[in-house]
């Protein structure tokens, strides 16, 4: 198939039928909004699981109440949006034969953002969602007659255990590979799996990064004949400019940590402040995904003519201009108002990667929480553990984020750079995704005000 190398991103998506998983998550919402605002698709299938008694349509309608969708909101859902109830535990994802035929005949582009991002998830549950559910989705996708591109969203930290991360899929999963691990875990009891988890993870800090690595291997081993790309974003921050700056969603990731600092609940940051950050604004990530899917289509057409190829991998991480954690912390502080809050965070926060100092700092954090609970017990004459429970939750969150803030990696991102440099002037304006152009000082100055506006105040 001959493909115009100058094919515009907008032209590629115009009139297409797109399928998305993970649209109710942070990045998924930004992707959904961007597609509706700029790409003019013929149809947009959104796969959503039932939750708290709400079906797919109800959950998507609720999603559209968010300020993020102000520019595309209508009285009802846009005509092109088709929410589909999905159950990944059921055969054919619970889709009937007629629906499967429609999808097979219509869908041209797929974005798989589905993920269990709970770092503490039991290993079997993490592998089930992040690997097996993707396998079942791909088994369905492999029946699609007009598929141009399938983009699987992984994470830059899927190869946390390496010192240099290139744009390749590393076949070095221990215990003989993912399939062996899956068979071993299937034969064990829950307590036995828990005992074996640390040996399986090896140098991986949690089950999330490990399961993402396994998903990449599974895709490469079983579905490399399809037009597939793997997109690896780093830690995802608030929007940089689209559809407006500083939007964030829920108290997850760095948001919870920043708020704990702001409210004086966190006084220890156990980071290596001279190390580089690995951050990307969410709207830049989404633009990068949209551009990479076009590149997947081009590369697949080229390899179809020349023979089998490999799964395309895109490391969406800047290797040249990313700031240090010291700079990021300073710029975050500059966004704090009023001034007494700035002084409290600046001078009453321990910033060190020394293990013993940090553990001492965590015990210091626990002391006022214990006092608060004791006073509550005296006044109310009943047991209260709210303060210490909240403090332990914050400490746990900090320790979960720490592995990503104490290490540096060599980065290979040649594929991603080629995609960016191959965009024409028009696409560079409509789909900005070059992290080298991000003004990190301005972005991080605005992060806390954005969180307070769109996360904290929106829930009052």
Protein backbone atom coordinates (compact mmCIF):
# COMPACT_ATOMS: atom_id res chain seq x y z
CA UNK A 1 0.00 0.00 0.00
CA UNK A 2 1.36 3.41 -0.95
CA UNK A 3 1.16 5.94 1.85
CA UNK A 4 1.73 9.66 1.48
CA UNK A 5 4.58 10.54 3.83
CA UNK A 6 3.10 14.02 4.10
CA UNK A 7 -0.23 12.65 5.33
CA UNK A 8 -1.58 15.16 7.84
CA UNK A 9 -2.62 13.90 11.26
CA UNK A 10 -6.03 15.57 10.98
CA UNK A 11 -6.58 14.03 7.55
CA UNK A 12 -5.70 10.56 8.87
CA UNK A 13 -8.47 10.72 11.49
CA UNK A 14 -11.11 12.59 9.51
CA UNK A 15 -14.11 10.32 8.93
CA UNK A 16 -12.46 7.42 10.75
CA UNK A 17 -14.01 5.11 13.32
CA UNK A 18 -12.02 5.09 16.55
CA UNK A 19 -12.23 2.74 19.52
CA UNK A 20 -10.95 3.77 22.97
CA UNK A 21 -10.46 1.91 26.23
CA UNK A 22 -9.67 3.72 29.48
CA UNK A 23 -11.60 6.84 28.48
CA UNK A 24 -12.78 7.49 32.05
CA UNK A 25 -9.21 7.86 33.33
CA UNK A 26 -7.09 11.01 33.48
CA UNK A 27 -5.37 10.71 30.08
CA UNK A 28 -8.39 8.99 28.52
CA UNK A 29 -10.61 12.00 29.18
CA UNK A 30 -8.13 14.37 27.54
CA UNK A 31 -7.89 12.04 24.53
CA UNK A 32 -11.68 11.87 24.22
CA UNK A 33 -12.02 15.65 24.40
CA UNK A 34 -9.24 16.24 21.86
CA UNK A 35 -10.74 13.83 19.34
CA UNK A 36 -14.18 15.42 19.62
CA UNK A 37 -12.83 18.97 19.46
CA UNK A 38 -10.44 18.64 16.52
CA UNK A 39 -10.51 15.35 14.63
CA UNK A 40 -14.05 15.03 13.25
CA UNK A 41 -14.36 11.21 13.42
CA UNK A 42 -17.29 9.36 11.87
CA UNK A 43 -17.83 7.30 15.00
CA UNK A 44 -16.15 6.95 18.39
CA UNK A 45 -16.66 3.69 20.27
CA UNK A 46 -15.88 4.03 23.98
CA UNK A 47 -15.50 0.79 25.93
CA UNK A 48 -16.51 1.28 29.57
CA UNK A 49 -17.03 -1.18 32.42
CA UNK A 50 -20.08 -0.98 34.65
CA UNK A 51 -19.30 0.65 37.98
CA UNK A 52 -21.46 1.30 41.04
CA UNK A 53 -24.56 0.27 39.11
CA UNK A 54 -23.94 2.72 36.24
CA UNK A 55 -23.70 1.50 32.65
CA UNK A 56 -21.35 2.82 29.98
CA UNK A 57 -23.69 5.55 28.71
CA UNK A 58 -24.41 6.85 32.21
CA UNK A 59 -20.72 6.98 33.09
CA UNK A 60 -19.77 8.82 29.91
CA UNK A 61 -22.62 11.33 30.35
CA UNK A 62 -21.41 11.96 33.88
CA UNK A 63 -17.91 12.46 32.51
CA UNK A 64 -19.14 15.20 30.16
CA UNK A 65 -20.23 17.29 33.14
CA UNK A 66 -16.56 17.98 33.85
CA UNK A 67 -15.27 21.43 32.92
CA UNK A 68 -12.76 19.71 30.61
CA UNK A 69 -15.58 19.05 28.11
CA UNK A 70 -17.03 22.59 28.07
CA UNK A 71 -16.04 23.16 24.43
CA UNK A 72 -17.63 19.94 23.14
CA UNK A 73 -20.58 19.49 25.51
CA UNK A 74 -24.08 19.20 24.03
CA UNK A 75 -27.53 18.60 25.52
CA UNK A 76 -26.91 14.90 25.03
CA UNK A 77 -23.81 12.93 24.09
CA UNK A 78 -22.35 13.85 20.67
CA UNK A 79 -23.93 11.70 17.97
CA UNK A 80 -20.61 10.11 17.05
CA UNK A 81 -19.94 8.85 20.60
CA UNK A 82 -21.09 5.25 21.13
CA UNK A 83 -20.52 4.00 24.71
CA UNK A 84 -20.28 0.20 24.94
CA UNK A 85 -20.65 -1.85 28.10
CA UNK A 86 -17.66 -4.17 28.28
CA UNK A 87 -16.78 -7.07 30.57
CA UNK A 88 -13.23 -8.25 30.00
CA UNK A 89 -13.87 -11.37 32.07
CA UNK A 90 -16.51 -12.60 29.63
CA UNK A 91 -16.03 -14.32 26.29
CA UNK A 92 -15.80 -11.81 23.42
CA UNK A 93 -15.80 -9.04 26.07
CA UNK A 94 -19.57 -9.69 26.47
CA UNK A 95 -20.21 -8.37 22.92
CA UNK A 96 -22.85 -10.10 20.81
CA UNK A 97 -22.14 -11.39 17.32
CA UNK A 98 -23.85 -8.48 15.59
CA UNK A 99 -21.85 -5.89 17.52
CA UNK A 100 -18.59 -7.75 16.87
CA UNK A 101 -19.34 -7.74 13.14
CA UNK A 102 -20.04 -4.01 13.20
CA UNK A 103 -16.77 -3.32 15.00
CA UNK A 104 -14.83 -5.59 12.63
CA UNK A 105 -16.22 -3.76 9.60
CA UNK A 106 -15.98 -0.20 10.94
CA UNK A 107 -13.08 0.40 13.35
CA UNK A 108 -9.86 1.74 11.85
CA UNK A 109 -7.93 3.07 14.87
CA UNK A 110 -7.71 1.79 18.47
CA UNK A 111 -6.26 3.46 21.56
CA UNK A 112 -5.78 1.16 24.54
CA UNK A 113 -5.42 3.28 27.69
CA UNK A 114 -6.98 0.69 29.98
CA UNK A 115 -4.81 0.09 33.06
CA UNK A 116 -4.85 -0.74 36.74
CA UNK A 117 -2.54 1.95 38.13
CA UNK A 118 -2.69 0.81 41.76
CA UNK A 119 0.97 0.25 42.64
CA UNK A 120 0.04 -2.03 45.55
CA UNK A 121 -2.30 -4.30 43.60
CA UNK A 122 -1.73 -8.04 44.20
CA UNK A 123 0.38 -9.39 41.36
CA UNK A 124 -2.34 -11.66 39.95
CA UNK A 125 -4.86 -8.80 39.80
CA UNK A 126 -2.32 -6.44 38.16
CA UNK A 127 -1.43 -9.03 35.53
CA UNK A 128 -5.09 -9.82 34.91
CA UNK A 129 -6.01 -6.21 34.13
CA UNK A 130 -2.84 -4.93 32.50
CA UNK A 131 -1.92 -8.03 30.51
CA UNK A 132 -4.78 -10.47 30.10
CA UNK A 133 -7.46 -7.85 29.46
CA UNK A 134 -5.22 -6.35 26.77
CA UNK A 135 -4.75 -9.83 25.31
CA UNK A 136 -8.52 -10.32 25.09
CA UNK A 137 -8.95 -6.90 23.52
CA UNK A 138 -6.30 -7.72 20.92
CA UNK A 139 -7.95 -11.05 20.14
CA UNK A 140 -11.04 -9.03 19.23
CA UNK A 141 -9.00 -6.41 17.37
CA UNK A 142 -7.29 -9.09 15.27
CA UNK A 143 -10.65 -9.73 13.56
CA UNK A 144 -10.97 -6.11 12.38
CA UNK A 145 -10.83 -5.87 8.59
CA UNK A 146 -9.80 -2.22 8.20
CA UNK A 147 -7.47 -1.69 11.16
CA UNK A 148 -4.87 1.00 10.44
CA UNK A 149 -3.31 1.42 13.88
CA UNK A 150 -3.52 0.06 17.42
CA UNK A 151 -1.69 2.13 20.04
CA UNK A 152 -1.08 0.50 23.41
CA UNK A 153 -0.24 2.92 26.21
CA UNK A 154 2.43 1.49 28.51
CA UNK A 155 4.78 3.48 30.76
CA UNK A 156 8.38 4.65 30.46
CA UNK A 157 9.00 2.82 33.75
CA UNK A 158 8.04 -0.59 32.35
CA UNK A 159 11.77 -1.26 32.19
CA UNK A 160 12.61 0.28 35.53
CA UNK A 161 15.17 -2.46 36.14
CA UNK A 162 17.44 -1.27 33.31
CA UNK A 163 19.98 1.55 33.30
CA UNK A 164 19.26 2.56 29.69
CA UNK A 165 15.80 2.33 28.15
CA UNK A 166 15.74 2.13 24.37
CA UNK A 167 12.69 2.00 22.10
CA UNK A 168 12.62 -1.78 22.03
CA UNK A 169 10.73 -4.52 23.85
CA UNK A 170 13.10 -6.28 26.21
CA UNK A 171 12.55 -10.06 26.42
CA UNK A 172 14.21 -10.38 29.83
CA UNK A 173 11.27 -11.09 32.13
CA UNK A 174 12.54 -13.43 34.83
CA UNK A 175 11.18 -16.89 35.72
CA UNK A 176 11.34 -17.85 32.05
CA UNK A 177 9.08 -15.10 30.73
CA UNK A 178 5.55 -13.89 31.34
CA UNK A 179 3.76 -17.04 30.19
CA UNK A 180 5.73 -19.11 32.70
CA UNK A 181 4.99 -16.62 35.47
CA UNK A 182 1.28 -16.78 34.64
CA UNK A 183 1.27 -20.58 34.83
CA UNK A 184 3.17 -20.58 38.13
CA UNK A 185 0.83 -18.05 39.75
CA UNK A 186 -2.25 -19.97 38.57
CA UNK A 187 -1.16 -22.96 40.65
CA UNK A 188 -0.56 -21.03 43.87
CA UNK A 189 -2.79 -19.93 46.73
CA UNK A 190 -3.14 -16.18 47.45
CA UNK A 191 -0.71 -16.29 50.39
CA UNK A 192 1.84 -18.19 48.31
CA UNK A 193 1.55 -15.62 45.50
CA UNK A 194 2.13 -12.81 47.96
CA UNK A 195 5.23 -14.55 49.34
CA UNK A 196 6.61 -15.06 45.82
CA UNK A 197 5.83 -11.54 44.56
CA UNK A 198 9.10 -9.89 45.62
CA UNK A 199 11.11 -12.61 43.83
CA UNK A 200 9.06 -12.20 40.65
CA UNK A 201 9.31 -8.41 40.69
CA UNK A 202 13.07 -8.54 41.27
CA UNK A 203 14.22 -4.92 40.71
CA UNK A 204 10.78 -3.60 39.78
CA UNK A 205 9.39 -1.32 42.52
CA UNK A 206 5.77 -2.47 42.22
CA UNK A 207 3.35 -4.73 40.38
CA UNK A 208 2.25 -1.90 38.07
CA UNK A 209 5.58 -1.43 36.27
CA UNK A 210 6.15 -5.19 36.17
CA UNK A 211 2.73 -5.90 34.67
CA UNK A 212 3.28 -3.21 32.04
CA UNK A 213 6.55 -4.87 31.05
CA UNK A 214 4.73 -8.21 30.78
CA UNK A 215 2.04 -6.62 28.60
CA UNK A 216 4.67 -5.37 26.16
CA UNK A 217 6.18 -8.86 25.92
CA UNK A 218 2.76 -10.44 25.42
CA UNK A 219 1.95 -8.04 22.58
CA UNK A 220 5.29 -8.60 20.88
CA UNK A 221 5.07 -12.39 21.17
CA UNK A 222 1.48 -12.78 19.97
CA UNK A 223 0.32 -9.79 17.92
CA UNK A 224 3.34 -8.29 16.15
CA UNK A 225 1.71 -9.00 12.77
CA UNK A 226 -0.84 -6.24 13.48
CA UNK A 227 -0.20 -2.50 13.00
CA UNK A 228 0.72 -1.99 16.66
CA UNK A 229 2.67 0.68 18.49
CA UNK A 230 3.59 0.94 22.17
CA UNK A 231 3.60 4.42 23.68
CA UNK A 232 5.60 4.96 26.88
CA UNK A 233 4.78 8.17 28.78
CA UNK A 234 6.57 9.13 32.03
CA UNK A 235 4.85 10.70 35.08
CA UNK A 236 1.89 12.59 33.64
CA UNK A 237 1.20 16.11 34.91
CA UNK A 238 -1.60 18.64 34.33
CA UNK A 239 -2.50 20.14 30.96
CA UNK A 240 0.00 22.57 29.48
CA UNK A 241 -2.31 24.39 27.09
CA UNK A 242 -5.16 22.17 25.79
CA UNK A 243 -8.04 22.61 26.06
CA UNK A 244 -6.89 25.08 28.73
CA UNK A 245 -3.85 25.12 31.06
CA UNK A 246 -3.46 23.42 34.45
CA UNK A 247 -6.40 20.98 34.42
CA UNK A 248 -5.93 17.93 36.62
CA UNK A 249 -8.18 15.08 37.70
CA UNK A 250 -8.56 13.44 41.12
CA UNK A 251 -6.10 13.02 43.96
CA UNK A 252 -3.74 10.54 42.32
CA UNK A 253 -0.07 10.59 41.36
CA UNK A 254 1.86 13.76 42.22
CA UNK A 255 -1.37 15.63 43.01
CA UNK A 256 -1.88 13.97 46.41
CA UNK A 257 1.74 14.56 47.37
CA UNK A 258 1.63 18.24 46.40
CA UNK A 259 -1.58 18.83 48.36
CA UNK A 260 -0.17 17.06 51.43
CA UNK A 261 2.81 19.44 51.29
CA UNK A 262 0.59 22.48 50.84
CA UNK A 263 -1.66 21.65 53.80
CA UNK A 264 1.29 20.87 56.08
CA UNK A 265 0.51 17.15 56.30
CA UNK A 266 3.79 16.08 54.68
CA UNK A 267 7.17 17.22 55.94
CA UNK A 268 9.48 14.67 54.29
CA UNK A 269 10.40 14.35 50.61
CA UNK A 270 12.75 11.35 50.27
CA UNK A 271 13.90 12.22 46.74
CA UNK A 272 17.32 12.54 45.12
CA UNK A 273 17.02 16.21 44.27
CA UNK A 274 19.95 16.26 41.86
CA UNK A 275 18.34 13.57 39.70
CA UNK A 276 16.36 14.45 36.58
CA UNK A 277 12.58 14.44 36.52
CA UNK A 278 10.57 12.34 34.08
CA UNK A 279 7.43 14.39 33.50
CA UNK A 280 5.10 15.18 30.61
CA UNK A 281 1.95 17.35 30.45
CA UNK A 282 -1.08 15.20 29.74
CA UNK A 283 -2.12 17.14 26.61
CA UNK A 284 1.37 16.69 25.13
CA UNK A 285 1.06 12.96 25.84
CA UNK A 286 -2.27 12.81 24.01
CA UNK A 287 -0.95 14.74 21.01
CA UNK A 288 2.02 12.39 20.97
CA UNK A 289 -0.28 9.37 20.93
CA UNK A 290 -2.32 10.74 18.05
CA UNK A 291 0.82 11.42 16.01
CA UNK A 292 2.39 8.05 16.83
CA UNK A 293 -0.72 6.17 15.66
CA UNK A 294 -0.28 7.78 12.24
CA UNK A 295 3.36 6.69 12.25
CA UNK A 296 2.31 3.12 13.15
CA UNK A 297 0.09 3.08 10.06
CA UNK A 298 2.91 4.34 7.84
CA UNK A 299 5.44 1.85 9.21
CA UNK A 300 3.01 -1.06 8.90
CA UNK A 301 2.34 -0.22 5.26
CA UNK A 302 6.09 -0.11 4.60
CA UNK A 303 6.79 -3.43 6.28
CA UNK A 304 3.82 -5.10 4.58
CA UNK A 305 5.63 -4.45 1.33
CA UNK A 306 9.06 -5.55 2.57
CA UNK A 307 8.18 -8.39 4.96
CA UNK A 308 7.63 -8.89 8.71
CA UNK A 309 8.70 -6.13 11.07
CA UNK A 310 8.62 -5.38 14.77
CA UNK A 311 6.24 -3.60 17.09
CA UNK A 312 6.98 0.14 17.05
CA UNK A 313 7.93 1.60 20.45
CA UNK A 314 7.87 5.31 21.35
CA UNK A 315 9.58 6.61 24.50
CA UNK A 316 7.75 9.87 25.17
CA UNK A 317 10.46 11.30 27.42
CA UNK A 318 12.83 14.21 26.91
CA UNK A 319 16.48 13.27 27.28
CA UNK A 320 17.89 16.78 27.03
CA UNK A 321 15.85 19.50 28.75
CA UNK A 322 14.07 17.75 31.61
CA UNK A 323 14.61 19.63 34.87
CA UNK A 324 15.97 18.24 38.14
CA UNK A 325 13.78 17.46 41.15
CA UNK A 326 15.50 20.36 42.92
CA UNK A 327 14.35 22.76 40.20
CA UNK A 328 10.89 21.20 40.09
CA UNK A 329 10.51 21.61 43.86
CA UNK A 330 11.66 25.24 43.75
CA UNK A 331 9.26 26.09 40.93
CA UNK A 332 6.41 24.36 42.71
CA UNK A 333 7.16 26.47 45.81
CA UNK A 334 6.94 29.63 43.73
CA UNK A 335 3.32 28.77 42.96
CA UNK A 336 2.35 28.65 46.64
CA UNK A 337 0.26 31.45 48.14
CA UNK A 338 -0.23 32.93 50.68
CA UNK A 339 3.35 33.61 51.72
CA UNK A 340 3.10 31.91 55.13
CA UNK A 341 2.23 28.66 53.35
CA UNK A 342 5.34 29.08 51.21
CA UNK A 343 7.49 29.61 54.32
CA UNK A 344 6.02 26.57 56.06
CA UNK A 345 6.71 24.25 53.13
CA UNK A 346 10.10 25.81 52.33
CA UNK A 347 11.59 25.66 55.81
CA UNK A 348 9.69 22.84 57.55
CA UNK A 349 10.15 20.14 54.90
CA UNK A 350 13.02 17.65 55.00
CA UNK A 351 14.36 17.09 51.49
CA UNK A 352 16.81 14.20 51.50
CA UNK A 353 17.26 10.72 50.08
CA UNK A 354 19.04 9.53 53.25
CA UNK A 355 17.02 6.53 54.41
CA UNK A 356 17.55 7.00 58.16
CA UNK A 357 16.83 10.74 58.07
CA UNK A 358 13.63 10.14 56.13
CA UNK A 359 12.43 7.39 58.47
CA UNK A 360 13.08 9.72 61.42
CA UNK A 361 11.12 12.40 59.59
CA UNK A 362 8.20 10.04 59.06
CA UNK A 363 8.13 9.25 62.79
CA UNK A 364 8.15 13.00 63.45
CA UNK A 365 5.11 13.30 61.16
CA UNK A 366 3.28 10.62 63.15
CA UNK A 367 3.66 12.38 66.52
CA UNK A 368 1.16 15.23 65.98
CA UNK A 369 -1.28 12.75 64.41
CA UNK A 370 -1.15 10.60 67.55
CA UNK A 371 -1.67 13.70 69.71
CA UNK A 372 -4.69 14.77 67.64
CA UNK A 373 -6.27 11.33 67.97
CA UNK A 374 -5.61 11.28 71.73
CA UNK A 375 -7.22 14.71 72.18
CA UNK A 376 -10.17 13.54 70.09
CA UNK A 377 -10.55 10.50 72.35
CA UNK A 378 -10.47 12.68 75.49
CA UNK A 379 -13.07 15.12 74.15
CA UNK A 380 -15.41 12.58 72.58
CA UNK A 381 -14.78 9.65 74.90
CA UNK A 382 -14.50 7.30 71.96
CA UNK A 383 -11.66 5.88 69.93
CA UNK A 384 -10.43 7.86 66.92
CA UNK A 385 -7.63 6.93 64.53
CA UNK A 386 -8.48 9.32 61.71
CA UNK A 387 -5.33 11.48 61.98
CA UNK A 388 -2.83 8.64 62.22
CA UNK A 389 -4.61 6.68 59.48
CA UNK A 390 -4.46 9.70 57.16
CA UNK A 391 -0.79 10.25 57.98
CA UNK A 392 0.07 6.61 57.30
CA UNK A 393 -1.74 6.87 53.95
CA UNK A 394 0.36 9.91 52.99
CA UNK A 395 3.61 8.21 54.05
CA UNK A 396 2.66 5.14 52.05
CA UNK A 397 1.97 7.25 48.95
CA UNK A 398 5.32 9.02 49.25
CA UNK A 399 7.15 5.71 49.54
CA UNK A 400 5.35 4.42 46.45
CA UNK A 401 6.42 7.45 44.40
CA UNK A 402 9.99 7.50 45.74
CA UNK A 403 11.47 4.88 43.32
CA UNK A 404 10.70 7.18 40.37
CA UNK A 405 12.44 10.14 42.02
CA UNK A 406 15.79 8.65 43.04
CA UNK A 407 17.03 7.17 39.79
CA UNK A 408 18.09 8.28 36.32
CA UNK A 409 18.05 6.34 33.07
CA UNK A 410 19.74 6.64 29.75
CA UNK A 411 17.00 7.32 27.20
CA UNK A 412 16.62 6.29 23.60
CA UNK A 413 13.83 8.20 21.86
CA UNK A 414 14.84 8.23 18.21
CA UNK A 415 11.44 6.97 17.02
CA UNK A 416 9.62 9.68 18.95
CA UNK A 417 11.94 12.40 17.69
CA UNK A 418 11.42 11.22 14.09
CA UNK A 419 7.65 11.45 14.57
CA UNK A 420 7.91 14.99 15.94
CA UNK A 421 10.34 16.20 13.29
CA UNK A 422 8.25 14.59 10.55
CA UNK A 423 5.20 16.71 11.35
CA UNK A 424 4.42 19.55 8.99
CA UNK A 425 3.99 23.10 10.25
CA UNK A 426 0.22 22.76 10.49
CA UNK A 427 0.37 19.58 12.56
CA UNK A 428 3.04 20.98 14.87
CA UNK A 429 0.63 23.77 15.75
CA UNK A 430 -2.44 21.57 16.17
CA UNK A 431 -0.69 18.64 17.88
CA UNK A 432 2.17 20.09 19.96
CA UNK A 433 4.08 17.20 21.52
CA UNK A 434 7.73 18.25 21.61
CA UNK A 435 8.70 18.21 25.30
CA UNK A 436 11.75 20.31 24.47
CA UNK A 437 9.38 23.25 24.01
CA UNK A 438 7.77 22.99 27.45
CA UNK A 439 8.52 25.87 29.82
CA UNK A 440 8.82 23.74 32.96
CA UNK A 441 9.17 26.72 35.29
CA UNK A 442 5.85 28.18 34.19
CA UNK A 443 4.16 24.78 34.09
CA UNK A 444 5.21 23.81 37.62
CA UNK A 445 4.49 27.30 38.99
CA UNK A 446 0.89 26.76 37.89
CA UNK A 447 0.53 23.13 38.99
CA UNK A 448 -0.70 23.73 42.55
CA UNK A 449 -3.12 26.56 41.62
CA UNK A 450 -4.54 24.25 38.96
CA UNK A 451 -4.99 21.39 41.42
CA UNK A 452 -6.69 23.69 43.93
CA UNK A 453 -9.03 25.03 41.24
CA UNK A 454 -9.95 21.87 39.33
CA UNK A 455 -9.57 19.14 41.95
CA UNK A 456 -10.11 20.66 45.41
CA UNK A 457 -12.57 23.49 44.73
CA UNK A 458 -14.60 21.48 42.20
CA UNK A 459 -15.53 19.06 45.00
CA UNK A 460 -16.69 21.70 47.47
